Amino acid sequence: MDEAPKVAPDFEKRRRAKNVAIALTLAGFCALFYAITVVKMIK
C-alpha cells in the first residue's frame, strides 16, 4: 500500500504557480545571458 499522501487542492495550485514562476525566471536569465553574449559579439 504505497499510496501518495493526499494533498489539499490549494496546496497543489500554489506549488504549480511556484514552479511556473521558477521556470519563467530561469528562462528570463537564459534570455538575458544570451542577449548579453550576442551584444558582446557584435561590439
N, C-alpha and C. Protein backbone atom coordinates (compact mmCIF):
# COMPACT_ATOMS: atom_id res chain seq x y z
N MET A 1 0.83 -1.19 0.00
CA MET A 1 0.00 0.00 0.00
C MET A 1 0.87 1.25 0.00
N ASP A 2 1.50 1.49 -1.13
CA ASP A 2 2.36 2.66 -1.27
C ASP A 2 1.61 3.77 -2.00
N GLU A 3 0.65 4.33 -1.34
CA GLU A 3 -0.11 5.42 -1.93
C GLU A 3 0.51 6.76 -1.54
N ALA A 4 0.48 7.70 -2.48
CA ALA A 4 0.96 9.04 -2.17
C ALA A 4 -0.03 9.71 -1.22
N PRO A 5 0.45 10.50 -0.30
CA PRO A 5 -0.47 11.17 0.62
C PRO A 5 -1.33 12.19 -0.12
N LYS A 6 -2.56 12.30 0.32
CA LYS A 6 -3.47 13.27 -0.30
C LYS A 6 -3.06 14.68 0.10
N VAL A 7 -3.10 15.58 -0.88
CA VAL A 7 -2.69 16.96 -0.65
C VAL A 7 -3.87 17.86 -1.00
N ALA A 8 -4.01 18.93 -0.24
CA ALA A 8 -5.11 19.86 -0.47
C ALA A 8 -4.98 20.50 -1.86
N PRO A 9 -6.09 20.72 -2.55
CA PRO A 9 -6.04 21.31 -3.90
C PRO A 9 -5.37 22.69 -3.94
N ASP A 10 -5.58 23.49 -2.89
CA ASP A 10 -4.97 24.82 -2.89
C ASP A 10 -3.45 24.72 -2.77
N PHE A 11 -2.96 23.70 -2.09
CA PHE A 11 -1.52 23.49 -1.98
C PHE A 11 -0.94 23.11 -3.34
N GLU A 12 -1.64 22.25 -4.07
CA GLU A 12 -1.20 21.86 -5.42
C GLU A 12 -1.17 23.07 -6.33
N LYS A 13 -2.17 23.93 -6.22
CA LYS A 13 -2.24 25.12 -7.06
C LYS A 13 -1.07 26.07 -6.76
N ARG A 14 -0.77 26.25 -5.47
CA ARG A 14 0.36 27.12 -5.09
C ARG A 14 1.68 26.52 -5.54
N ARG A 15 1.81 25.21 -5.43
CA ARG A 15 3.05 24.56 -5.85
C ARG A 15 3.25 24.73 -7.35
N ARG A 16 2.18 24.55 -8.12
CA ARG A 16 2.29 24.72 -9.58
C ARG A 16 2.63 26.16 -9.93
N ALA A 17 2.02 27.12 -9.25
CA ALA A 17 2.32 28.53 -9.51
C ALA A 17 3.77 28.84 -9.20
N LYS A 18 4.28 28.27 -8.12
CA LYS A 18 5.69 28.50 -7.76
C LYS A 18 6.61 27.87 -8.80
N ASN A 19 6.28 26.68 -9.27
CA ASN A 19 7.10 26.03 -10.28
C ASN A 19 7.11 26.82 -11.59
N VAL A 20 5.97 27.36 -11.97
CA VAL A 20 5.89 28.18 -13.18
C VAL A 20 6.73 29.45 -13.01
N ALA A 21 6.66 30.07 -11.84
CA ALA A 21 7.44 31.29 -11.59
C ALA A 21 8.94 30.98 -11.66
N ILE A 22 9.36 29.87 -11.10
CA ILE A 22 10.77 29.49 -11.16
C ILE A 22 11.19 29.24 -12.60
N ALA A 23 10.37 28.55 -13.36
CA ALA A 23 10.68 28.26 -14.76
C ALA A 23 10.79 29.55 -15.57
N LEU A 24 9.88 30.48 -15.36
CA LEU A 24 9.92 31.75 -16.10
C LEU A 24 11.15 32.56 -15.72
N THR A 25 11.50 32.55 -14.45
CA THR A 25 12.70 33.27 -14.00
C THR A 25 13.95 32.66 -14.64
N LEU A 26 14.04 31.35 -14.66
CA LEU A 26 15.18 30.68 -15.27
C LEU A 26 15.25 30.99 -16.77
N ALA A 27 14.12 30.95 -17.44
CA ALA A 27 14.09 31.28 -18.87
C ALA A 27 14.50 32.73 -19.10
N GLY A 28 14.08 33.62 -18.22
CA GLY A 28 14.46 35.02 -18.33
C GLY A 28 15.96 35.21 -18.18
N PHE A 29 16.57 34.52 -17.22
CA PHE A 29 18.02 34.61 -17.05
C PHE A 29 18.75 34.06 -18.27
N CYS A 30 18.25 32.96 -18.82
CA CYS A 30 18.88 32.40 -20.03
C CYS A 30 18.80 33.40 -21.17
N ALA A 31 17.65 34.02 -21.36
CA ALA A 31 17.49 35.01 -22.42
C ALA A 31 18.40 36.21 -22.19
N LEU A 32 18.53 36.63 -20.95
CA LEU A 32 19.39 37.76 -20.62
C LEU A 32 20.85 37.45 -20.95
N PHE A 33 21.35 36.29 -20.53
CA PHE A 33 22.73 35.92 -20.83
C PHE A 33 22.94 35.76 -22.33
N TYR A 34 21.96 35.22 -23.03
CA TYR A 34 22.06 35.08 -24.49
C TYR A 34 22.17 36.47 -25.13
N ALA A 35 21.32 37.40 -24.70
CA ALA A 35 21.34 38.75 -25.26
C ALA A 35 22.68 39.44 -24.96
N ILE A 36 23.19 39.29 -23.75
CA ILE A 36 24.49 39.89 -23.40
C ILE A 36 25.59 39.31 -24.28
N THR A 37 25.56 38.01 -24.50
CA THR A 37 26.56 37.36 -25.34
C THR A 37 26.49 37.87 -26.77
N VAL A 38 25.30 38.00 -27.32
CA VAL A 38 25.14 38.50 -28.69
C VAL A 38 25.64 39.93 -28.79
N VAL A 39 25.31 40.78 -27.83
CA VAL A 39 25.73 42.17 -27.86
C VAL A 39 27.26 42.24 -27.76
N LYS A 40 27.88 41.42 -26.93
CA LYS A 40 29.34 41.43 -26.80
C LYS A 40 30.00 40.96 -28.10
N MET A 41 29.39 40.04 -28.81
CA MET A 41 29.96 39.53 -30.06
C MET A 41 29.87 40.60 -31.16
N ILE A 42 28.83 41.40 -31.12
CA ILE A 42 28.65 42.44 -32.14
C ILE A 42 29.69 43.54 -31.96
N LYS A 43 29.94 43.90 -30.73
CA LYS A 43 30.88 45.01 -30.47
C LYS A 43 32.31 44.59 -30.61
